[in-house]
Amino acid sequence: MSCVPTGPYRELAVHPAGESIAILCDDLTVELWCSRGEAYRYPGGSTERDGWTDGTSRGQGIADDGRCAGWLQFTADGSYLLFGEARPDGPVRLNLLDVRTLTRIGTVPLETWGEGVEVACAPAPSTAVAFAACSGDDTVILAVAEVVEGRLRVYGADSRSSSPAADIPGERVTGIAFSPAGELVVLDSDAYVSAVRWRDPVPSRRDLAGGYELLRADVEPRRPFVAGLRALGTDDEELSLGGPMFVRGRTLAAVVERERWIGGDLDWRSVALVFLDIPTGEWLGFLELPGAERDEPILLRDGIVCQSIGERTRVARWLPADRPGGVYLPGDRP
């Protein structure tokens, strides 16, 4: 299916079953385009376009002046659409929308926002969605939204509840994911990976790994693939763990970044993936990304690797190996 947005848009979310596409326009209007040929709009607006119907009451959006913020995310089971919004001199809230009509089922006010939002879904049939936003050197919000018996609950988003970010070592959250056990896996700016039990009244944290130990070739001489680590960087902290992260079964993949001189400035580039066993924190392997030797940035999302070189774009997909607990590594097979 395809759609034609009625105006400039900033976010796009695809239903897990491919049944619809949700678009967040610059004025924070949400459009829902369905494969059955229907289209809906929230919070309302013009219905002059043929085939449009209102999912909720009409309302006028505000012009994008650089201060609006918002995000969209379907739950992994496809049952709901989450719409986070922050308007100038207006509400900051998380809305729960119906996936067929955009009718608002519920809303939860948020006390704060940040510079952009990173979102991660727990595997279906869970309805949990984690979101994080930072400002400067601080994590402004790290929370988990969950739909329970048709009602939206948000953990860690207000001053009355403890934030899952309260006990992480680093200042900023740089990556989030969910473990098969439902824990929130957090990567912070000090390159520590933690697993947080976010449903606890006071979220408890356990350490999984630290970037210093994972990426220093001399810390554990018997570790496999040390040669690959040494080829990518040195012991002078040229390498670091960065976001995003993604999960396949009990395996966590985190991005390895290397500091390089790009155009006369120091910048970080994604160059590899490192794999961990989430229940134990055990190192599983290391994989250099194709094109890591080039200056063009590599983008990763949920196991999809994308790099544009000139007028061509190369897309690859990471897949788990056949052997239990393993990963594909250089020389294994295509």
C-alpha atoms as a PDB file:
ATOM      1  CA  MET A   1       0.000   0.000   0.000  1.00  0.00           C
ATOM      2  CA  SER A   2       0.978   3.646  -0.319  1.00  0.00           C
ATOM      3  CA  CYS A   3      -0.380   7.018   0.739  1.00  0.00           C
ATOM      4  CA  VAL A   4      -0.151  10.700  -0.166  1.00  0.00           C
ATOM      5  CA  PRO A   5       0.247  12.896   2.944  1.00  0.00           C
ATOM      6  CA  THR A   6      -1.757  16.107   2.873  1.00  0.00           C
ATOM      7  CA  GLY A   7       1.263  18.130   3.980  1.00  0.00           C
ATOM      8  CA  PRO A   8       4.844  17.965   5.277  1.00  0.00           C
ATOM      9  CA  TYR A   9       5.370  15.219   7.841  1.00  0.00           C
ATOM     10  CA  ARG A  10       8.019  14.408  10.434  1.00  0.00           C
ATOM     11  CA  GLU A  11       7.242  10.859  11.622  1.00  0.00           C
ATOM     12  CA  LEU A  12       5.942   7.661  10.037  1.00  0.00           C
ATOM     13  CA  ALA A  13       4.874   4.423  11.707  1.00  0.00           C
ATOM     14  CA  VAL A  14       3.824   1.184   9.977  1.00  0.00           C
ATOM     15  CA  HIS A  15       1.359  -1.251  11.506  1.00  0.00           C
ATOM     16  CA  PRO A  16       3.130  -4.559  12.334  1.00  0.00           C
ATOM     17  CA  ALA A  17       0.789  -6.469   9.998  1.00  0.00           C
ATOM     18  CA  GLY A  18       1.079  -3.881   7.230  1.00  0.00           C
ATOM     19  CA  GLU A  19      -2.584  -2.926   7.535  1.00  0.00           C
ATOM     20  CA  SER A  20      -2.055   0.819   7.858  1.00  0.00           C
ATOM     21  CA  ILE A  21       0.441   3.676   7.868  1.00  0.00           C
ATOM     22  CA  ALA A  22       0.343   6.448  10.478  1.00  0.00           C
ATOM     23  CA  ILE A  23       1.890   9.825   9.700  1.00  0.00           C
ATOM     24  CA  LEU A  24       2.639  12.708  12.064  1.00  0.00           C
ATOM     25  CA  CYS A  25       2.407  16.013  10.212  1.00  0.00           C
ATOM     26  CA  ASP A  26       4.395  19.134  11.051  1.00  0.00           C
ATOM     27  CA  ASP A  27       1.391  20.655  12.851  1.00  0.00           C
ATOM     28  CA  LEU A  28       1.120  17.496  15.020  1.00  0.00           C
ATOM     29  CA  THR A  29      -1.929  16.242  13.143  1.00  0.00           C
ATOM     30  CA  VAL A  30      -1.964  12.445  12.851  1.00  0.00           C
ATOM     31  CA  GLU A  31      -3.102  10.813   9.613  1.00  0.00           C
ATOM     32  CA  LEU A  32      -3.968   7.117   9.359  1.00  0.00           C
ATOM     33  CA  TRP A  33      -4.056   5.483   5.906  1.00  0.00           C
ATOM     34  CA  CYS A  34      -5.611   1.995   5.839  1.00  0.00           C
ATOM     35  CA  SER A  35      -5.154  -0.804   3.310  1.00  0.00           C
ATOM     36  CA  ARG A  36      -8.928  -1.135   3.102  1.00  0.00           C
ATOM     37  CA  GLY A  37      -9.014   2.328   1.465  1.00  0.00           C
ATOM     38  CA  GLU A  38     -10.093   4.494   4.403  1.00  0.00           C
ATOM     39  CA  ALA A  39      -8.224   7.412   5.923  1.00  0.00           C
ATOM     40  CA  TYR A  40      -8.599   9.177   9.256  1.00  0.00           C
ATOM     41  CA  ARG A  41      -7.208  12.283  10.900  1.00  0.00           C
ATOM     42  CA  TYR A  42      -6.534  13.253  14.515  1.00  0.00           C
ATOM     43  CA  PRO A  43      -7.189  15.807  16.041  1.00  0.00           C
ATOM     44  CA  GLY A  44      -9.368  16.633  13.004  1.00  0.00           C
ATOM     45  CA  GLY A  45      -9.189  19.282  10.326  1.00  0.00           C
ATOM     46  CA  SER A  46     -10.205  19.530   6.708  1.00  0.00           C
ATOM     47  CA  THR A  47     -12.276  16.725   5.209  1.00  0.00           C
ATOM     48  CA  GLU A  48     -12.454  18.169   1.724  1.00  0.00           C
ATOM     49  CA  ARG A  49     -10.318  15.365   0.323  1.00  0.00           C
ATOM     50  CA  ASP A  50     -12.431  12.518  -1.082  1.00  0.00           C
ATOM     51  CA  GLY A  51     -12.524   9.469   1.141  1.00  0.00           C
ATOM     52  CA  TRP A  52     -11.593  11.297   4.359  1.00  0.00           C
ATOM     53  CA  THR A  53     -13.590  10.697   7.533  1.00  0.00           C
ATOM     54  CA  ASP A  54     -13.055  12.105  10.976  1.00  0.00           C
ATOM     55  CA  GLY A  55     -11.826   9.728  13.628  1.00  0.00           C
ATOM     56  CA  THR A  56     -12.361  12.313  16.402  1.00  0.00           C
ATOM     57  CA  SER A  57     -13.584  15.854  16.876  1.00  0.00           C
ATOM     58  CA  ARG A  58     -12.167  18.527  14.628  1.00  0.00           C
ATOM     59  CA  GLY A  59      -9.544  20.981  15.728  1.00  0.00           C
ATOM     60  CA  GLN A  60      -7.028  23.403  14.313  1.00  0.00           C
ATOM     61  CA  GLY A  61      -3.375  22.499  14.434  1.00  0.00           C
ATOM     62  CA  ILE A  62      -0.637  25.030  15.170  1.00  0.00           C
ATOM     63  CA  ALA A  63       2.094  26.091  12.806  1.00  0.00           C
ATOM     64  CA  ASP A  64       5.427  24.365  13.283  1.00  0.00           C
ATOM     65  CA  ASP A  65       7.715  26.969  14.852  1.00  0.00           C
ATOM     66  CA  GLY A  66      10.475  24.603  15.935  1.00  0.00           C
ATOM     67  CA  ARG A  67       9.064  24.090  19.419  1.00  0.00           C
ATOM     68  CA  CYS A  68       6.537  21.354  18.625  1.00  0.00           C
ATOM     69  CA  ALA A  69       7.564  17.794  19.327  1.00  0.00           C
ATOM     70  CA  GLY A  70       5.913  14.451  18.842  1.00  0.00           C
ATOM     71  CA  TRP A  71       6.262  10.772  17.996  1.00  0.00           C
ATOM     72  CA  LEU A  72       4.186   7.803  16.860  1.00  0.00           C
ATOM     73  CA  GLN A  73       4.503   4.088  17.606  1.00  0.00           C
ATOM     74  CA  PHE A  74       2.263   1.057  17.113  1.00  0.00           C
ATOM     75  CA  THR A  75       2.452  -1.516  19.881  1.00  0.00           C
ATOM     76  CA  ALA A  76       4.194  -4.700  18.759  1.00  0.00           C
ATOM     77  CA  ASP A  77       0.936  -6.667  18.806  1.00  0.00           C
ATOM     78  CA  GLY A  78      -0.697  -4.087  16.512  1.00  0.00           C
ATOM     79  CA  SER A  79      -3.550  -3.345  18.925  1.00  0.00           C
ATOM     80  CA  TYR A  80      -2.875   0.327  19.635  1.00  0.00           C
ATOM     81  CA  LEU A  81      -1.159   3.459  18.334  1.00  0.00           C
ATOM     82  CA  LEU A  82       0.706   5.715  20.771  1.00  0.00           C
ATOM     83  CA  PHE A  83       0.952   9.416  19.964  1.00  0.00           C
ATOM     84  CA  GLY A  84       3.237  11.577  22.103  1.00  0.00           C
ATOM     85  CA  GLU A  85       2.792  15.326  21.720  1.00  0.00           C
ATOM     86  CA  ALA A  86       4.295  18.504  23.147  1.00  0.00           C
ATOM     87  CA  ARG A  87       2.831  21.789  21.942  1.00  0.00           C
ATOM     88  CA  PRO A  88       4.066  25.351  22.633  1.00  0.00           C
ATOM     89  CA  ASP A  89       2.190  26.695  25.654  1.00  0.00           C
ATOM     90  CA  GLY A  90      -0.008  23.619  25.437  1.00  0.00           C
ATOM     91  CA  PRO A  91      -0.289  20.050  26.648  1.00  0.00           C
ATOM     92  CA  VAL A  92       2.564  17.602  26.978  1.00  0.00           C
ATOM     93  CA  ARG A  93       0.936  14.185  26.954  1.00  0.00           C
ATOM     94  CA  LEU A  94       0.829  10.650  25.659  1.00  0.00           C
ATOM     95  CA  ASN A  95      -2.327   9.634  23.770  1.00  0.00           C
ATOM     96  CA  LEU A  96      -3.640   6.110  23.196  1.00  0.00           C
ATOM     97  CA  LEU A  97      -5.372   5.912  19.799  1.00  0.00           C
ATOM     98  CA  ASP A  98      -7.529   3.263  18.173  1.00  0.00           C
ATOM     99  CA  VAL A  99      -5.643   1.629  15.278  1.00  0.00           C
ATOM    100  CA  ARG A 100      -8.704   1.515  13.017  1.00  0.00           C
ATOM    101  CA  THR A 101     -10.304   4.941  13.475  1.00  0.00           C
ATOM    102  CA  LEU A 102      -7.791   7.111  15.418  1.00  0.00           C
ATOM    103  CA  THR A 103     -10.379   7.589  18.152  1.00  0.00           C
ATOM    104  CA  ARG A 104      -8.607   8.618  21.358  1.00  0.00           C
ATOM    105  CA  ILE A 105      -9.013   5.880  23.957  1.00  0.00           C
ATOM    106  CA  GLY A 106      -7.071   7.578  26.725  1.00  0.00           C
ATOM    107  CA  THR A 107      -4.387  10.119  27.552  1.00  0.00           C
ATOM    108  CA  VAL A 108      -1.726  10.541  30.254  1.00  0.00           C
ATOM    109  CA  PRO A 109      -0.126  13.933  31.005  1.00  0.00           C
ATOM    110  CA  LEU A 110       3.670  14.098  30.996  1.00  0.00           C
ATOM    111  CA  GLU A 111       5.646  16.520  33.118  1.00  0.00           C
ATOM    112  CA  THR A 112       8.523  17.091  30.733  1.00  0.00           C
ATOM    113  CA  TRP A 113       9.942  16.466  27.276  1.00  0.00           C
ATOM    114  CA  GLY A 114      13.378  16.476  25.620  1.00  0.00           C
ATOM    115  CA  GLU A 115      15.325  16.779  22.390  1.00  0.00           C
ATOM    116  CA  GLY A 116      13.774  14.086  20.264  1.00  0.00           C
ATOM    117  CA  VAL A 117      12.478  10.727  21.434  1.00  0.00           C
ATOM    118  CA  GLU A 118      13.785   7.191  21.024  1.00  0.00           C
ATOM    119  CA  VAL A 119      11.177   4.433  21.149  1.00  0.00           C
ATOM    120  CA  ALA A 120      11.370   0.647  21.647  1.00  0.00           C
ATOM    121  CA  CYS A 121       8.616  -2.004  21.736  1.00  0.00           C
ATOM    122  CA  ALA A 122       8.464  -5.139  23.828  1.00  0.00           C
ATOM    123  CA  PRO A 123       7.825  -8.263  21.704  1.00  0.00           C
ATOM    124  CA  ALA A 124       4.197  -9.182  21.006  1.00  0.00           C
ATOM    125  CA  PRO A 125       1.842  -9.981  22.629  1.00  0.00           C
ATOM    126  CA  SER A 126       3.084  -7.330  25.070  1.00  0.00           C
ATOM    127  CA  THR A 127       1.758  -3.801  24.644  1.00  0.00           C
ATOM    128  CA  ALA A 128       4.709  -2.172  26.450  1.00  0.00           C
ATOM    129  CA  VAL A 129       6.496   0.685  24.685  1.00  0.00           C
ATOM    130  CA  ALA A 130       9.548   2.435  26.187  1.00  0.00           C
ATOM    131  CA  PHE A 131      10.509   5.992  25.264  1.00  0.00           C
ATOM    132  CA  ALA A 132      13.448   8.189  26.210  1.00  0.00           C
ATOM    133  CA  ALA A 133      14.428  11.803  25.597  1.00  0.00           C
ATOM    134  CA  CYS A 134      17.516  13.742  26.609  1.00  0.00           C
ATOM    135  CA  SER A 135      18.575  17.381  26.851  1.00  0.00           C
ATOM    136  CA  GLY A 136      22.221  18.334  27.006  1.00  0.00           C
ATOM    137  CA  ASP A 137      23.961  15.936  29.370  1.00  0.00           C
ATOM    138  CA  ASP A 138      20.787  14.827  31.115  1.00  0.00           C
ATOM    139  CA  THR A 139      18.114  12.216  30.555  1.00  0.00           C
ATOM    140  CA  VAL A 140      14.905  14.229  30.729  1.00  0.00           C
ATOM    141  CA  ILE A 141      12.540  11.272  30.552  1.00  0.00           C
ATOM    142  CA  LEU A 142      12.830   7.491  30.438  1.00  0.00           C
ATOM    143  CA  ALA A 143       9.470   5.799  30.832  1.00  0.00           C
ATOM    144  CA  VAL A 144       7.454   2.764  29.778  1.00  0.00           C
ATOM    145  CA  ALA A 145       3.843   2.925  28.569  1.00  0.00           C
ATOM    146  CA  GLU A 146       1.648  -0.148  28.771  1.00  0.00           C
ATOM    147  CA  VAL A 147      -1.973  -0.848  27.922  1.00  0.00           C
ATOM    148  CA  VAL A 148      -3.651  -2.857  30.688  1.00  0.00           C
ATOM    149  CA  GLU A 149      -7.302  -3.884  30.235  1.00  0.00           C
ATOM    150  CA  GLY A 150      -7.744  -1.179  27.629  1.00  0.00           C
ATOM    151  CA  ARG A 151      -6.289   1.596  29.786  1.00  0.00           C
ATOM    152  CA  LEU A 152      -2.974   3.399  29.316  1.00  0.00           C
ATOM    153  CA  ARG A 153      -0.446   3.261  32.142  1.00  0.00           C
ATOM    154  CA  VAL A 154       2.893   5.066  32.152  1.00  0.00           C
ATOM    155  CA  TYR A 155       5.715   4.083  34.502  1.00  0.00           C
ATOM    156  CA  GLY A 156       8.417   6.577  35.478  1.00  0.00           C
ATOM    157  CA  ALA A 157       7.027   9.685  33.764  1.00  0.00           C
ATOM    158  CA  ASP A 158       6.108  11.861  36.735  1.00  0.00           C
ATOM    159  CA  SER A 159       7.560  12.992  40.045  1.00  0.00           C
ATOM    160  CA  ARG A 160       5.397  10.511  41.993  1.00  0.00           C
ATOM    161  CA  SER A 161       7.127   7.473  40.489  1.00  0.00           C
ATOM    162  CA  SER A 162      10.767   6.451  40.281  1.00  0.00           C
ATOM    163  CA  SER A 163      12.339   6.745  36.856  1.00  0.00           C
ATOM    164  CA  PRO A 164      14.047   3.692  35.349  1.00  0.00           C
ATOM    165  CA  ALA A 165      16.928   6.088  34.598  1.00  0.00           C
ATOM    166  CA  ALA A 166      17.495   6.977  38.252  1.00  0.00           C
ATOM    167  CA  ASP A 167      20.209   4.375  38.866  1.00  0.00           C
ATOM    168  CA  ILE A 168      22.005   4.081  35.520  1.00  0.00           C
ATOM    169  CA  PRO A 169      25.718   5.064  35.591  1.00  0.00           C
ATOM    170  CA  GLY A 170      25.777   7.504  32.653  1.00  0.00           C
ATOM    171  CA  GLU A 171      24.009  10.847  32.330  1.00  0.00           C
ATOM    172  CA  ARG A 172      22.257  10.247  28.989  1.00  0.00           C
ATOM    173  CA  VAL A 173      20.300   7.290  27.684  1.00  0.00           C
ATOM    174  CA  THR A 174      21.697   6.434  24.251  1.00  0.00           C
ATOM    175  CA  GLY A 175      19.845   3.188  23.486  1.00  0.00           C
ATOM    176  CA  ILE A 176      16.853   1.188  24.732  1.00  0.00           C
ATOM    177  CA  ALA A 177      15.433  -2.277  24.052  1.00  0.00           C
ATOM    178  CA  PHE A 178      13.387  -4.985  25.784  1.00  0.00           C
ATOM    179  CA  SER A 179      14.604  -8.383  26.949  1.00  0.00           C
ATOM    180  CA  PRO A 180      12.494 -11.539  26.432  1.00  0.00           C
ATOM    181  CA  ALA A 181      11.814 -11.461  30.178  1.00  0.00           C
ATOM    182  CA  GLY A 182      10.289  -7.987  29.851  1.00  0.00           C
ATOM    183  CA  GLU A 183      13.186  -6.050  31.374  1.00  0.00           C
ATOM    184  CA  LEU A 184      14.088  -2.686  29.898  1.00  0.00           C
ATOM    185  CA  VAL A 185      17.650  -2.822  28.539  1.00  0.00           C
ATOM    186  CA  VAL A 186      19.352   0.581  28.698  1.00  0.00           C
ATOM    187  CA  LEU A 187      22.620   1.770  27.172  1.00  0.00           C
ATOM    188  CA  ASP A 188      23.930   5.007  28.683  1.00  0.00           C
ATOM    189  CA  SER A 189      26.506   7.631  27.746  1.00  0.00           C
ATOM    190  CA  ASP A 190      29.158   5.918  29.901  1.00  0.00           C
ATOM    191  CA  ALA A 191      28.753   2.845  27.618  1.00  0.00           C
ATOM    192  CA  TYR A 192      27.192   0.675  30.323  1.00  0.00           C
ATOM    193  CA  VAL A 193      24.407  -1.768  29.464  1.00  0.00           C
ATOM    194  CA  SER A 194      21.841  -2.295  32.241  1.00  0.00           C
ATOM    195  CA  ALA A 195      18.662  -4.358  32.587  1.00  0.00           C
ATOM    196  CA  VAL A 196      15.916  -2.582  34.542  1.00  0.00           C
ATOM    197  CA  ARG A 197      12.833  -4.143  36.129  1.00  0.00           C
ATOM    198  CA  TRP A 198      10.599  -1.194  35.279  1.00  0.00           C
ATOM    199  CA  ARG A 199       7.384  -2.552  36.826  1.00  0.00           C
ATOM    200  CA  ASP A 200       8.878  -2.559  40.334  1.00  0.00           C
ATOM    201  CA  PRO A 201       7.704   0.350  42.556  1.00  0.00           C
ATOM    202  CA  VAL A 202      11.358   1.333  42.751  1.00  0.00           C
ATOM    203  CA  PRO A 203      12.919   0.031  39.504  1.00  0.00           C
ATOM    204  CA  SER A 204      15.837  -2.292  40.189  1.00  0.00           C
ATOM    205  CA  ARG A 205      18.865  -2.462  37.883  1.00  0.00           C
ATOM    206  CA  ARG A 206      21.446  -5.119  37.113  1.00  0.00           C
ATOM    207  CA  ASP A 207      24.640  -4.634  35.136  1.00  0.00           C
ATOM    208  CA  LEU A 208      24.984  -6.563  31.886  1.00  0.00           C
ATOM    209  CA  ALA A 209      28.247  -5.212  30.491  1.00  0.00           C
ATOM    210  CA  GLY A 210      30.426  -2.159  30.076  1.00  0.00           C
ATOM    211  CA  GLY A 211      31.910  -0.831  26.880  1.00  0.00           C
ATOM    212  CA  TYR A 212      35.360  -0.601  28.409  1.00  0.00           C
ATOM    213  CA  GLU A 213      35.498  -4.338  29.097  1.00  0.00           C
ATOM    214  CA  LEU A 214      33.761  -5.336  25.867  1.00  0.00           C
ATOM    215  CA  LEU A 215      35.889  -3.287  23.504  1.00  0.00           C
ATOM    216  CA  ARG A 216      39.377  -3.396  25.035  1.00  0.00           C
ATOM    217  CA  ALA A 217      41.261  -6.189  23.335  1.00  0.00           C
ATOM    218  CA  ASP A 218      43.700  -6.569  26.249  1.00  0.00           C
ATOM    219  CA  VAL A 219      41.111  -7.033  29.008  1.00  0.00           C
ATOM    220  CA  GLU A 220      40.440 -10.686  28.231  1.00  0.00           C
ATOM    221  CA  PRO A 221      43.172 -12.173  26.009  1.00  0.00           C
ATOM    222  CA  ARG A 222      41.235 -15.427  25.442  1.00  0.00           C
ATOM    223  CA  ARG A 223      38.189 -13.629  24.074  1.00  0.00           C
ATOM    224  CA  PRO A 224      37.486 -14.599  20.435  1.00  0.00           C
ATOM    225  CA  PHE A 225      37.782 -12.079  17.632  1.00  0.00           C
ATOM    226  CA  VAL A 226      40.333  -9.922  19.461  1.00  0.00           C
ATOM    227  CA  ALA A 227      42.077  -9.396  16.139  1.00  0.00           C
ATOM    228  CA  GLY A 228      38.946  -7.757  14.767  1.00  0.00           C
ATOM    229  CA  LEU A 229      38.763  -5.400  17.721  1.00  0.00           C
ATOM    230  CA  ARG A 230      42.389  -4.408  17.322  1.00  0.00           C
ATOM    231  CA  ALA A 231      41.846  -3.764  13.618  1.00  0.00           C
ATOM    232  CA  LEU A 232      38.953  -1.413  14.368  1.00  0.00           C
ATOM    233  CA  GLY A 233      40.530   0.541  17.212  1.00  0.00           C
ATOM    234  CA  THR A 234      43.252   0.738  19.801  1.00  0.00           C
ATOM    235  CA  ASP A 235      43.385   0.763  23.566  1.00  0.00           C
ATOM    236  CA  ASP A 236      43.182   4.571  23.500  1.00  0.00           C
ATOM    237  CA  GLU A 237      39.389   4.477  23.771  1.00  0.00           C
ATOM    238  CA  GLU A 238      38.739   5.040  20.072  1.00  0.00           C
ATOM    239  CA  LEU A 239      35.799   2.640  20.313  1.00  0.00           C
ATOM    240  CA  SER A 240      32.598   3.001  22.312  1.00  0.00           C
ATOM    241  CA  LEU A 241      29.142   1.450  22.541  1.00  0.00           C
ATOM    242  CA  GLY A 242      26.410   3.596  21.031  1.00  0.00           C
ATOM    243  CA  GLY A 243      22.740   3.386  20.165  1.00  0.00           C
ATOM    244  CA  PRO A 244      20.565   1.998  18.819  1.00  0.00           C
ATOM    245  CA  MET A 245      20.260  -1.556  20.144  1.00  0.00           C
ATOM    246  CA  PHE A 246      18.041  -4.424  19.040  1.00  0.00           C
ATOM    247  CA  VAL A 247      17.101  -7.860  20.351  1.00  0.00           C
ATOM    248  CA  ARG A 248      16.640 -11.263  18.708  1.00  0.00           C
ATOM    249  CA  GLY A 249      15.500 -13.841  21.218  1.00  0.00           C
ATOM    250  CA  ARG A 250      17.886 -13.625  24.155  1.00  0.00           C
ATOM    251  CA  THR A 251      20.632 -11.991  22.058  1.00  0.00           C
ATOM    252  CA  LEU A 252      21.255  -8.243  22.350  1.00  0.00           C
ATOM    253  CA  ALA A 253      23.085  -6.407  19.563  1.00  0.00           C
ATOM    254  CA  ALA A 254      24.677  -3.052  20.399  1.00  0.00           C
ATOM    255  CA  VAL A 255      26.344  -0.701  17.943  1.00  0.00           C
ATOM    256  CA  VAL A 256      30.090  -0.130  18.204  1.00  0.00           C
ATOM    257  CA  GLU A 257      31.189   3.398  17.271  1.00  0.00           C
ATOM    258  CA  ARG A 258      34.643   4.661  16.396  1.00  0.00           C
ATOM    259  CA  GLU A 259      35.866   8.241  16.724  1.00  0.00           C
ATOM    260  CA  ARG A 260      37.218   9.560  13.422  1.00  0.00           C
ATOM    261  CA  TRP A 261      38.304  12.769  11.791  1.00  0.00           C
ATOM    262  CA  ILE A 262      35.545  13.615   9.276  1.00  0.00           C
ATOM    263  CA  GLY A 263      35.830  16.848   7.302  1.00  0.00           C
ATOM    264  CA  GLY A 264      38.302  18.295   9.783  1.00  0.00           C
ATOM    265  CA  ASP A 265      36.152  17.483  12.836  1.00  0.00           C
ATOM    266  CA  LEU A 266      36.083  14.551  15.236  1.00  0.00           C
ATOM    267  CA  ASP A 267      32.901  12.528  14.880  1.00  0.00           C
ATOM    268  CA  TRP A 268      31.597   9.079  15.796  1.00  0.00           C
ATOM    269  CA  ARG A 269      30.784   6.495  13.118  1.00  0.00           C
ATOM    270  CA  SER A 270      29.028   3.117  13.476  1.00  0.00           C
ATOM    271  CA  VAL A 271      31.546   0.423  12.546  1.00  0.00           C
ATOM    272  CA  ALA A 272      30.473  -2.882  14.131  1.00  0.00           C
ATOM    273  CA  LEU A 273      27.996  -4.807  16.240  1.00  0.00           C
ATOM    274  CA  VAL A 274      28.767  -6.553  19.513  1.00  0.00           C
ATOM    275  CA  PHE A 275      26.485  -9.340  20.768  1.00  0.00           C
ATOM    276  CA  LEU A 276      25.541 -10.223  24.349  1.00  0.00           C
ATOM    277  CA  ASP A 277      23.445 -12.891  26.020  1.00  0.00           C
ATOM    278  CA  ILE A 278      20.870 -10.868  27.964  1.00  0.00           C
ATOM    279  CA  PRO A 279      20.207 -13.255  30.907  1.00  0.00           C
ATOM    280  CA  THR A 280      23.908 -13.704  31.698  1.00  0.00           C
ATOM    281  CA  GLY A 281      25.645 -10.705  30.100  1.00  0.00           C
ATOM    282  CA  GLU A 282      28.002 -13.156  28.349  1.00  0.00           C
ATOM    283  CA  TRP A 283      29.911 -11.943  25.295  1.00  0.00           C
ATOM    284  CA  LEU A 284      28.674 -13.830  22.201  1.00  0.00           C
ATOM    285  CA  GLY A 285      30.550 -12.264  19.318  1.00  0.00           C
ATOM    286  CA  PHE A 286      31.593  -9.300  17.255  1.00  0.00           C
ATOM    287  CA  LEU A 287      30.725  -8.368  13.656  1.00  0.00           C
ATOM    288  CA  GLU A 288      32.328  -5.629  11.586  1.00  0.00           C
ATOM    289  CA  LEU A 289      29.755  -3.832   9.436  1.00  0.00           C
ATOM    290  CA  PRO A 290      30.196  -3.739   5.660  1.00  0.00           C
ATOM    291  CA  GLY A 291      31.423  -0.311   4.605  1.00  0.00           C
ATOM    292  CA  ALA A 292      32.829   0.471   8.054  1.00  0.00           C
ATOM    293  CA  GLU A 293      36.101   1.588   6.492  1.00  0.00           C
ATOM    294  CA  ARG A 294      34.376   4.464   4.651  1.00  0.00           C
ATOM    295  CA  ASP A 295      33.497   7.938   5.955  1.00  0.00           C
ATOM    296  CA  GLU A 296      29.846   7.782   4.891  1.00  0.00           C
ATOM    297  CA  PRO A 297      27.675   7.146   7.975  1.00  0.00           C
ATOM    298  CA  ILE A 298      26.038   3.751   8.516  1.00  0.00           C
ATOM    299  CA  LEU A 299      22.483   3.851   9.845  1.00  0.00           C
ATOM    300  CA  LEU A 300      20.990   0.946  11.812  1.00  0.00           C
ATOM    301  CA  ARG A 301      17.470   0.203  12.945  1.00  0.00           C
ATOM    302  CA  ASP A 302      16.186  -3.096  14.298  1.00  0.00           C
ATOM    303  CA  GLY A 303      18.812  -5.150  12.470  1.00  0.00           C
ATOM    304  CA  ILE A 304      18.611  -3.252   9.152  1.00  0.00           C
ATOM    305  CA  VAL A 305      21.924  -1.693   8.057  1.00  0.00           C
ATOM    306  CA  CYS A 306      21.846   1.171   5.535  1.00  0.00           C
ATOM    307  CA  GLN A 307      24.661   3.215   3.977  1.00  0.00           C
ATOM    308  CA  SER A 308      24.471   5.732   1.113  1.00  0.00           C
ATOM    309  CA  ILE A 309      27.574   6.127  -1.055  1.00  0.00           C
ATOM    310  CA  GLY A 310      27.177   8.707  -3.797  1.00  0.00           C
ATOM    311  CA  GLU A 311      23.957   7.980  -5.643  1.00  0.00           C
ATOM    312  CA  ARG A 312      23.714   4.393  -4.414  1.00  0.00           C
ATOM    313  CA  THR A 313      22.322   3.075  -1.135  1.00  0.00           C
ATOM    314  CA  ARG A 314      23.322  -0.299   0.247  1.00  0.00           C
ATOM    315  CA  VAL A 315      20.927  -2.129   2.570  1.00  0.00           C
ATOM    316  CA  ALA A 316      21.816  -5.261   4.543  1.00  0.00           C
ATOM    317  CA  ARG A 317      20.060  -7.255   7.238  1.00  0.00           C
ATOM    318  CA  TRP A 318      21.618  -8.963  10.225  1.00  0.00           C
ATOM    319  CA  LEU A 319      20.306 -12.459  10.938  1.00  0.00           C
ATOM    320  CA  PRO A 320      21.021 -14.766  13.868  1.00  0.00           C
ATOM    321  CA  ALA A 321      23.069 -17.874  13.151  1.00  0.00           C
ATOM    322  CA  ASP A 322      21.598 -21.369  13.065  1.00  0.00           C
ATOM    323  CA  ARG A 323      23.590 -22.553  16.039  1.00  0.00           C
ATOM    324  CA  PRO A 324      21.994 -21.837  19.457  1.00  0.00           C
ATOM    325  CA  GLY A 325      23.189 -18.621  21.035  1.00  0.00           C
ATOM    326  CA  GLY A 326      25.421 -17.834  18.068  1.00  0.00           C
ATOM    327  CA  VAL A 327      25.755 -14.969  15.620  1.00  0.00           C
ATOM    328  CA  TYR A 328      27.021 -14.683  12.075  1.00  0.00           C
ATOM    329  CA  LEU A 329      30.628 -13.637  12.034  1.00  0.00           C
ATOM    330  CA  PRO A 330      33.121 -12.874   9.252  1.00  0.00           C
ATOM    331  CA  GLY A 331      33.828 -16.069   7.331  1.00  0.00           C
ATOM    332  CA  ASP A 332      30.744 -17.949   8.526  1.00  0.00           C
ATOM    333  CA  ARG A 333      28.676 -17.719   5.354  1.00  0.00           C
ATOM    334  CA  PRO A 334      26.829 -15.038   3.327  1.00  0.00           C
END
